[in-house]
Amino acid sequence: MNHVFVIDASVAVKWLVYEEFTDRAQALLRDSRQILRPLLGPPLLASEVVNAIYKKLRIEQSITDDEADQALTEFFSWPAVQLYAPPGLYQRAFSFARTNNLPRAYDSQYVALAEMLQAEFWTDDRNLIRAIQGVAPWVRWIGDYPLGDTIS
């Protein structure tokens, strides 16, 4: 389980806008580059990042128009995260959501992608973590990511 990391929008947004655990998300990004562990997410990731930035702008009013524009420009100009949908991803995600009685099937795309790639999945979605506790040991909370030396 050490050739790639899977991340979701809750982690990617922390690279763009300061939030709790931004330091941990930045450490994950730094480490992925240093140890050549690519960051992957399902195609859904891009839509979720856009929505999260929009929510911060319009609902939370925690960023300005200029900050929102800059965050999206930065996200879409980076090669930081590769979007990837291997054959069978959506069926596997649906099955995982159904089997584990998840409230939303789209969250399971991240879990299924990580499972298919035998990778760690890093998230700040605590509701998802609680919902699959004990079922998906490859799912990790970003608050637990080490800040110290690079991991291997």
N, C-alpha and C. Protein backbone atom coordinates (compact mmCIF):
# COMPACT_ATOMS: atom_id res chain seq x y z
N MET A 1 0.82 -1.20 0.00
CA MET A 1 0.00 0.00 0.00
C MET A 1 0.86 1.25 0.00
N ASN A 2 1.85 1.33 -0.86
CA ASN A 2 2.67 2.52 -0.78
C ASN A 2 3.07 3.11 -2.13
N HIS A 3 2.37 2.79 -3.19
CA HIS A 3 2.77 3.34 -4.49
C HIS A 3 2.02 4.62 -4.86
N VAL A 4 0.83 4.83 -4.33
CA VAL A 4 0.07 6.06 -4.57
C VAL A 4 -0.72 6.41 -3.30
N PHE A 5 -1.19 7.64 -3.26
CA PHE A 5 -2.17 8.09 -2.26
C PHE A 5 -3.43 8.47 -3.02
N VAL A 6 -4.59 8.18 -2.46
CA VAL A 6 -5.85 8.69 -2.96
C VAL A 6 -6.28 9.78 -1.99
N ILE A 7 -6.72 10.91 -2.54
CA ILE A 7 -7.20 12.00 -1.70
C ILE A 7 -8.57 12.45 -2.21
N ASP A 8 -9.31 13.11 -1.33
CA ASP A 8 -10.59 13.66 -1.75
C ASP A 8 -10.55 15.18 -1.71
N ALA A 9 -11.67 15.81 -2.01
CA ALA A 9 -11.72 17.27 -2.07
C ALA A 9 -11.46 17.91 -0.72
N SER A 10 -11.81 17.23 0.37
CA SER A 10 -11.59 17.81 1.69
C SER A 10 -10.10 18.02 1.96
N VAL A 11 -9.26 17.24 1.33
CA VAL A 11 -7.80 17.39 1.45
C VAL A 11 -7.31 18.40 0.42
N ALA A 12 -7.73 18.28 -0.82
CA ALA A 12 -7.26 19.17 -1.88
C ALA A 12 -7.58 20.63 -1.58
N VAL A 13 -8.75 20.90 -1.02
CA VAL A 13 -9.14 22.28 -0.72
C VAL A 13 -8.20 22.89 0.30
N LYS A 14 -7.67 22.08 1.19
CA LYS A 14 -6.75 22.58 2.22
C LYS A 14 -5.45 23.09 1.61
N TRP A 15 -5.11 22.69 0.42
CA TRP A 15 -3.93 23.21 -0.27
C TRP A 15 -4.20 24.60 -0.84
N LEU A 16 -5.47 24.91 -1.03
CA LEU A 16 -5.87 26.13 -1.73
C LEU A 16 -6.34 27.24 -0.79
N VAL A 17 -6.96 26.84 0.31
CA VAL A 17 -7.56 27.77 1.26
C VAL A 17 -7.18 27.28 2.66
N TYR A 18 -6.76 28.19 3.52
CA TYR A 18 -6.38 27.77 4.86
C TYR A 18 -7.59 27.26 5.63
N GLU A 19 -7.43 26.07 6.22
CA GLU A 19 -8.44 25.43 7.05
C GLU A 19 -7.72 24.65 8.15
N GLU A 20 -8.50 24.10 9.05
CA GLU A 20 -7.93 23.20 10.04
C GLU A 20 -7.27 22.03 9.29
N PHE A 21 -6.09 21.66 9.70
CA PHE A 21 -5.30 20.57 9.13
C PHE A 21 -4.69 20.90 7.75
N THR A 22 -4.67 22.18 7.39
CA THR A 22 -3.96 22.57 6.17
C THR A 22 -2.51 22.13 6.25
N ASP A 23 -1.91 22.26 7.42
CA ASP A 23 -0.51 21.85 7.58
C ASP A 23 -0.31 20.37 7.28
N ARG A 24 -1.26 19.55 7.68
CA ARG A 24 -1.18 18.10 7.43
C ARG A 24 -1.37 17.80 5.94
N ALA A 25 -2.32 18.48 5.32
CA ALA A 25 -2.54 18.28 3.88
C ALA A 25 -1.31 18.71 3.08
N GLN A 26 -0.70 19.82 3.50
CA GLN A 26 0.51 20.28 2.81
C GLN A 26 1.67 19.31 3.03
N ALA A 27 1.75 18.70 4.21
CA ALA A 27 2.79 17.70 4.46
C ALA A 27 2.58 16.48 3.55
N LEU A 28 1.33 16.07 3.37
CA LEU A 28 1.02 14.96 2.46
C LEU A 28 1.44 15.30 1.03
N LEU A 29 1.13 16.50 0.59
CA LEU A 29 1.52 16.94 -0.75
C LEU A 29 3.03 16.95 -0.90
N ARG A 30 3.71 17.53 0.07
CA ARG A 30 5.18 17.58 0.05
C ARG A 30 5.77 16.17 0.01
N ASP A 31 5.26 15.30 0.88
CA ASP A 31 5.78 13.94 0.94
C ASP A 31 5.53 13.17 -0.35
N SER A 32 4.36 13.37 -0.94
CA SER A 32 4.05 12.64 -2.18
C SER A 32 5.05 13.02 -3.27
N ARG A 33 5.45 14.27 -3.29
CA ARG A 33 6.43 14.72 -4.28
C ARG A 33 7.83 14.19 -3.97
N GLN A 34 8.20 14.23 -2.69
CA GLN A 34 9.55 13.81 -2.30
C GLN A 34 9.77 12.31 -2.49
N ILE A 35 8.75 11.52 -2.20
CA ILE A 35 8.93 10.07 -2.29
C ILE A 35 8.28 9.49 -3.55
N LEU A 36 7.87 10.39 -4.44
CA LEU A 36 7.31 9.99 -5.73
C LEU A 36 6.13 9.04 -5.59
N ARG A 37 5.21 9.40 -4.70
CA ARG A 37 3.94 8.69 -4.56
C ARG A 37 2.86 9.58 -5.15
N PRO A 38 2.41 9.30 -6.36
CA PRO A 38 1.40 10.15 -6.99
C PRO A 38 0.12 10.26 -6.16
N LEU A 39 -0.54 11.38 -6.31
CA LEU A 39 -1.84 11.62 -5.69
C LEU A 39 -2.91 11.40 -6.74
N LEU A 40 -3.90 10.59 -6.41
CA LEU A 40 -4.98 10.29 -7.34
C LEU A 40 -6.33 10.54 -6.70
N GLY A 41 -7.30 10.79 -7.55
CA GLY A 41 -8.68 10.91 -7.12
C GLY A 41 -9.57 10.54 -8.29
N PRO A 42 -10.80 10.16 -8.02
CA PRO A 42 -11.73 9.89 -9.12
C PRO A 42 -12.11 11.21 -9.80
N PRO A 43 -12.63 11.17 -11.01
CA PRO A 43 -13.01 12.40 -11.71
C PRO A 43 -13.94 13.31 -10.89
N LEU A 44 -14.69 12.74 -10.00
CA LEU A 44 -15.58 13.50 -9.12
C LEU A 44 -14.83 14.55 -8.31
N LEU A 45 -13.57 14.32 -8.06
CA LEU A 45 -12.77 15.22 -7.24
C LEU A 45 -12.82 16.66 -7.74
N ALA A 46 -12.67 16.86 -9.03
CA ALA A 46 -12.66 18.22 -9.58
C ALA A 46 -13.97 18.95 -9.30
N SER A 47 -15.09 18.29 -9.50
CA SER A 47 -16.39 18.90 -9.23
C SER A 47 -16.56 19.22 -7.75
N GLU A 48 -16.06 18.35 -6.90
CA GLU A 48 -16.18 18.60 -5.46
C GLU A 48 -15.29 19.76 -5.01
N VAL A 49 -14.12 19.90 -5.59
CA VAL A 49 -13.27 21.04 -5.26
C VAL A 49 -13.95 22.34 -5.69
N VAL A 50 -14.47 22.38 -6.90
CA VAL A 50 -15.19 23.57 -7.37
C VAL A 50 -16.34 23.90 -6.43
N ASN A 51 -17.12 22.91 -6.05
CA ASN A 51 -18.26 23.13 -5.16
C ASN A 51 -17.81 23.63 -3.79
N ALA A 52 -16.74 23.07 -3.25
CA ALA A 52 -16.24 23.49 -1.94
C ALA A 52 -15.78 24.94 -1.97
N ILE A 53 -15.09 25.34 -3.03
CA ILE A 53 -14.64 26.72 -3.16
C ILE A 53 -15.86 27.65 -3.30
N TYR A 54 -16.84 27.23 -4.07
CA TYR A 54 -18.07 28.02 -4.22
C TYR A 54 -18.78 28.18 -2.88
N LYS A 55 -18.84 27.11 -2.12
CA LYS A 55 -19.49 27.14 -0.80
C LYS A 55 -18.76 28.12 0.12
N LYS A 56 -17.44 28.11 0.10
CA LYS A 56 -16.67 29.04 0.92
C LYS A 56 -16.92 30.48 0.51
N LEU A 57 -17.13 30.71 -0.78
CA LEU A 57 -17.38 32.04 -1.29
C LEU A 57 -18.80 32.51 -0.96
N ARG A 58 -19.79 31.73 -1.33
CA ARG A 58 -21.18 32.19 -1.27
C ARG A 58 -21.90 31.88 0.04
N ILE A 59 -21.64 30.74 0.63
CA ILE A 59 -22.39 30.36 1.83
C ILE A 59 -21.63 30.77 3.10
N GLU A 60 -20.39 30.32 3.20
CA GLU A 60 -19.60 30.63 4.39
C GLU A 60 -19.06 32.05 4.36
N GLN A 61 -18.91 32.61 3.17
CA GLN A 61 -18.33 33.94 2.97
C GLN A 61 -16.99 34.07 3.67
N SER A 62 -16.19 33.00 3.58
CA SER A 62 -14.88 32.98 4.23
C SER A 62 -13.74 33.33 3.27
N ILE A 63 -14.05 33.48 1.99
CA ILE A 63 -13.06 33.90 1.00
C ILE A 63 -13.71 34.93 0.07
N THR A 64 -12.86 35.71 -0.58
CA THR A 64 -13.34 36.73 -1.52
C THR A 64 -13.46 36.14 -2.92
N ASP A 65 -14.05 36.91 -3.80
CA ASP A 65 -14.14 36.50 -5.22
C ASP A 65 -12.74 36.25 -5.78
N ASP A 66 -11.83 37.17 -5.50
CA ASP A 66 -10.46 37.01 -6.01
C ASP A 66 -9.79 35.77 -5.45
N GLU A 67 -9.98 35.48 -4.17
CA GLU A 67 -9.39 34.28 -3.57
C GLU A 67 -9.99 33.01 -4.17
N ALA A 68 -11.29 33.03 -4.43
CA ALA A 68 -11.94 31.88 -5.06
C ALA A 68 -11.38 31.64 -6.46
N ASP A 69 -11.28 32.73 -7.24
CA ASP A 69 -10.73 32.61 -8.59
C ASP A 69 -9.30 32.10 -8.55
N GLN A 70 -8.51 32.63 -7.64
CA GLN A 70 -7.11 32.21 -7.53
C GLN A 70 -7.02 30.73 -7.12
N ALA A 71 -7.86 30.30 -6.19
CA ALA A 71 -7.85 28.90 -5.74
C ALA A 71 -8.17 27.95 -6.90
N LEU A 72 -9.18 28.29 -7.68
CA LEU A 72 -9.55 27.42 -8.79
C LEU A 72 -8.49 27.43 -9.89
N THR A 73 -7.93 28.59 -10.17
CA THR A 73 -6.86 28.67 -11.16
C THR A 73 -5.69 27.80 -10.72
N GLU A 74 -5.34 27.90 -9.45
CA GLU A 74 -4.23 27.10 -8.92
C GLU A 74 -4.53 25.61 -9.02
N PHE A 75 -5.73 25.22 -8.61
CA PHE A 75 -6.08 23.80 -8.64
C PHE A 75 -6.01 23.23 -10.05
N PHE A 76 -6.57 23.94 -11.01
CA PHE A 76 -6.61 23.41 -12.37
C PHE A 76 -5.31 23.57 -13.15
N SER A 77 -4.37 24.33 -12.61
CA SER A 77 -3.08 24.46 -13.28
C SER A 77 -2.04 23.50 -12.70
N TRP A 78 -2.34 22.88 -11.60
CA TRP A 78 -1.41 21.95 -10.96
C TRP A 78 -1.42 20.58 -11.62
N PRO A 79 -0.30 19.95 -11.62
CA PRO A 79 -0.29 18.52 -11.96
C PRO A 79 -0.33 17.68 -10.69
N ALA A 80 -0.70 18.30 -9.54
CA ALA A 80 -0.60 17.63 -8.24
C ALA A 80 -1.44 16.37 -8.14
N VAL A 81 -2.66 16.40 -8.64
CA VAL A 81 -3.56 15.26 -8.50
C VAL A 81 -3.98 14.77 -9.88
N GLN A 82 -3.85 13.49 -10.07
CA GLN A 82 -4.30 12.87 -11.32
C GLN A 82 -5.71 12.32 -11.10
N LEU A 83 -6.61 12.62 -12.02
CA LEU A 83 -7.96 12.06 -11.95
C LEU A 83 -7.95 10.73 -12.68
N TYR A 84 -8.53 9.72 -12.04
CA TYR A 84 -8.41 8.37 -12.57
C TYR A 84 -9.67 7.58 -12.28
N ALA A 85 -10.19 6.94 -13.31
CA ALA A 85 -11.37 6.08 -13.18
C ALA A 85 -11.07 4.74 -13.85
N PRO A 86 -10.50 3.80 -13.10
CA PRO A 86 -10.22 2.49 -13.71
C PRO A 86 -11.52 1.77 -14.05
N PRO A 87 -11.47 0.84 -14.98
CA PRO A 87 -12.67 0.07 -15.31
C PRO A 87 -13.24 -0.58 -14.05
N GLY A 88 -14.54 -0.45 -13.90
CA GLY A 88 -15.22 -1.06 -12.77
C GLY A 88 -15.32 -0.18 -11.54
N LEU A 89 -14.76 1.04 -11.59
CA LEU A 89 -14.78 1.92 -10.41
C LEU A 89 -16.20 2.20 -9.94
N TYR A 90 -17.07 2.60 -10.83
CA TYR A 90 -18.40 3.03 -10.42
C TYR A 90 -19.24 1.87 -9.91
N GLN A 91 -19.09 0.71 -10.52
CA GLN A 91 -19.80 -0.46 -10.02
C GLN A 91 -19.30 -0.85 -8.63
N ARG A 92 -18.00 -0.80 -8.45
CA ARG A 92 -17.42 -1.15 -7.15
C ARG A 92 -17.83 -0.13 -6.09
N ALA A 93 -17.85 1.13 -6.45
CA ALA A 93 -18.27 2.18 -5.52
C ALA A 93 -19.73 1.99 -5.13
N PHE A 94 -20.57 1.69 -6.10
CA PHE A 94 -21.99 1.46 -5.82
C PHE A 94 -22.16 0.27 -4.88
N SER A 95 -21.46 -0.80 -5.17
CA SER A 95 -21.54 -1.99 -4.33
C SER A 95 -21.06 -1.71 -2.91
N PHE A 96 -19.96 -0.96 -2.78
CA PHE A 96 -19.44 -0.62 -1.46
C PHE A 96 -20.45 0.22 -0.69
N ALA A 97 -21.04 1.22 -1.35
CA ALA A 97 -22.03 2.08 -0.70
C ALA A 97 -23.24 1.27 -0.25
N ARG A 98 -23.71 0.40 -1.11
CA ARG A 98 -24.88 -0.41 -0.78
C ARG A 98 -24.58 -1.37 0.36
N THR A 99 -23.46 -2.07 0.27
CA THR A 99 -23.08 -3.05 1.29
C THR A 99 -22.91 -2.39 2.66
N ASN A 100 -22.38 -1.17 2.68
CA ASN A 100 -22.09 -0.49 3.94
C ASN A 100 -23.13 0.56 4.30
N ASN A 101 -24.24 0.57 3.56
CA ASN A 101 -25.37 1.45 3.85
C ASN A 101 -24.96 2.92 3.99
N LEU A 102 -24.12 3.37 3.06
CA LEU A 102 -23.67 4.76 3.10
C LEU A 102 -24.80 5.69 2.66
N PRO A 103 -24.85 6.90 3.22
CA PRO A 103 -25.92 7.83 2.83
C PRO A 103 -25.77 8.38 1.42
N ARG A 104 -24.53 8.41 0.90
CA ARG A 104 -24.27 8.93 -0.45
C ARG A 104 -23.32 7.98 -1.17
N ALA A 105 -23.67 7.59 -2.36
CA ALA A 105 -22.83 6.66 -3.11
C ALA A 105 -21.58 7.33 -3.66
N TYR A 106 -21.63 8.63 -3.92
CA TYR A 106 -20.46 9.25 -4.54
C TYR A 106 -19.24 9.24 -3.62
N ASP A 107 -19.41 9.31 -2.31
CA ASP A 107 -18.27 9.23 -1.40
C ASP A 107 -17.51 7.93 -1.56
N SER A 108 -18.21 6.89 -1.91
CA SER A 108 -17.57 5.58 -2.01
C SER A 108 -16.65 5.47 -3.23
N GLN A 109 -16.72 6.42 -4.16
CA GLN A 109 -15.78 6.39 -5.30
C GLN A 109 -14.34 6.50 -4.81
N TYR A 110 -14.11 7.35 -3.83
CA TYR A 110 -12.76 7.50 -3.28
C TYR A 110 -12.31 6.21 -2.59
N VAL A 111 -13.21 5.67 -1.79
CA VAL A 111 -12.90 4.44 -1.03
C VAL A 111 -12.62 3.29 -1.99
N ALA A 112 -13.47 3.16 -3.01
CA ALA A 112 -13.31 2.08 -3.98
C ALA A 112 -12.04 2.24 -4.80
N LEU A 113 -11.73 3.47 -5.20
CA LEU A 113 -10.51 3.71 -5.96
C LEU A 113 -9.29 3.29 -5.13
N ALA A 114 -9.25 3.71 -3.89
CA ALA A 114 -8.12 3.34 -3.03
C ALA A 114 -8.04 1.83 -2.84
N GLU A 115 -9.18 1.20 -2.67
CA GLU A 115 -9.19 -0.26 -2.51
C GLU A 115 -8.66 -0.94 -3.77
N MET A 116 -9.11 -0.49 -4.93
CA MET A 116 -8.69 -1.09 -6.19
C MET A 116 -7.19 -0.92 -6.42
N LEU A 117 -6.65 0.20 -5.96
CA LEU A 117 -5.22 0.49 -6.16
C LEU A 117 -4.36 0.03 -4.99
N GLN A 118 -4.99 -0.55 -3.98
CA GLN A 118 -4.30 -0.95 -2.76
C GLN A 118 -3.51 0.23 -2.20
N ALA A 119 -4.20 1.35 -2.06
CA ALA A 119 -3.58 2.60 -1.63
C ALA A 119 -4.27 3.13 -0.38
N GLU A 120 -3.58 4.03 0.31
CA GLU A 120 -4.20 4.75 1.41
C GLU A 120 -5.08 5.85 0.82
N PHE A 121 -6.21 6.09 1.45
CA PHE A 121 -7.11 7.16 1.07
C PHE A 121 -7.15 8.15 2.23
N TRP A 122 -6.73 9.39 1.98
CA TRP A 122 -6.67 10.44 2.99
C TRP A 122 -7.84 11.40 2.81
N THR A 123 -8.56 11.67 3.90
CA THR A 123 -9.75 12.50 3.87
C THR A 123 -9.91 13.26 5.18
N ASP A 124 -10.70 14.32 5.14
CA ASP A 124 -11.14 15.00 6.36
C ASP A 124 -12.64 14.84 6.53
N ASP A 125 -13.24 13.92 5.80
CA ASP A 125 -14.68 13.67 5.89
C ASP A 125 -14.93 12.72 7.07
N ARG A 126 -15.15 13.30 8.22
CA ARG A 126 -15.30 12.51 9.45
C ARG A 126 -16.57 11.68 9.45
N ASN A 127 -17.62 12.16 8.76
CA ASN A 127 -18.84 11.36 8.67
C ASN A 127 -18.57 10.08 7.88
N LEU A 128 -17.83 10.19 6.79
CA LEU A 128 -17.48 9.00 6.01
C LEU A 128 -16.62 8.05 6.84
N ILE A 129 -15.65 8.60 7.52
CA ILE A 129 -14.77 7.76 8.34
C ILE A 129 -15.58 7.00 9.39
N ARG A 130 -16.51 7.69 10.05
CA ARG A 130 -17.36 7.01 11.05
C ARG A 130 -18.23 5.94 10.40
N ALA A 131 -18.76 6.24 9.23
CA ALA A 131 -19.68 5.31 8.56
C ALA A 131 -19.00 4.01 8.15
N ILE A 132 -17.69 4.06 7.88
CA ILE A 132 -17.01 2.86 7.40
C ILE A 132 -15.95 2.35 8.38
N GLN A 133 -16.01 2.86 9.59
CA GLN A 133 -15.04 2.45 10.61
C GLN A 133 -15.03 0.93 10.75
N GLY A 134 -13.84 0.36 10.70
CA GLY A 134 -13.69 -1.08 10.85
C GLY A 134 -13.89 -1.86 9.56
N VAL A 135 -14.36 -1.20 8.51
CA VAL A 135 -14.65 -1.87 7.24
C VAL A 135 -13.57 -1.60 6.19
N ALA A 136 -13.00 -0.42 6.24
CA ALA A 136 -12.03 0.01 5.22
C ALA A 136 -10.77 0.55 5.91
N PRO A 137 -9.88 -0.35 6.32
CA PRO A 137 -8.70 0.09 7.08
C PRO A 137 -7.72 0.94 6.26
N TRP A 138 -7.91 1.07 4.98
CA TRP A 138 -7.05 1.89 4.13
C TRP A 138 -7.48 3.37 4.14
N VAL A 139 -8.58 3.66 4.80
CA VAL A 139 -9.06 5.04 4.88
C VAL A 139 -8.41 5.71 6.09
N ARG A 140 -7.84 6.90 5.86
CA ARG A 140 -7.10 7.61 6.89
C ARG A 140 -7.63 9.04 7.04
N TRP A 141 -7.66 9.50 8.27
CA TRP A 141 -8.08 10.87 8.57
C TRP A 141 -6.87 11.79 8.44
N ILE A 142 -7.01 12.89 7.73
CA ILE A 142 -5.90 13.80 7.49
C ILE A 142 -5.34 14.37 8.79
N GLY A 143 -6.14 14.45 9.81
CA GLY A 143 -5.66 14.92 11.11
C GLY A 143 -4.60 14.03 11.72
N ASP A 144 -4.51 12.80 11.23
CA ASP A 144 -3.50 11.85 11.71
C ASP A 144 -2.23 11.85 10.86
N TYR A 145 -2.21 12.63 9.78
CA TYR A 145 -1.03 12.61 8.92
C TYR A 145 0.15 13.22 9.67
N PRO A 146 1.30 12.57 9.62
CA PRO A 146 2.46 13.08 10.37
C PRO A 146 3.02 14.38 9.79
N LEU A 147 3.40 15.26 10.66
CA LEU A 147 4.00 16.53 10.24
C LEU A 147 5.51 16.46 10.16
N GLY A 148 6.10 15.46 10.77
CA GLY A 148 7.56 15.37 10.85
C GLY A 148 8.20 14.96 9.56
N ASP A 149 9.15 14.05 9.68
CA ASP A 149 9.93 13.57 8.55
C ASP A 149 9.04 12.92 7.50
N THR A 150 9.55 12.89 6.30
CA THR A 150 8.88 12.24 5.18
C THR A 150 8.64 10.77 5.51
N ILE A 151 7.44 10.28 5.15
CA ILE A 151 7.14 8.88 5.36
C ILE A 151 7.58 8.09 4.14
N SER A 152 7.62 6.80 4.27
CA SER A 152 8.01 5.97 3.12
C SER A 152 6.94 4.98 2.77
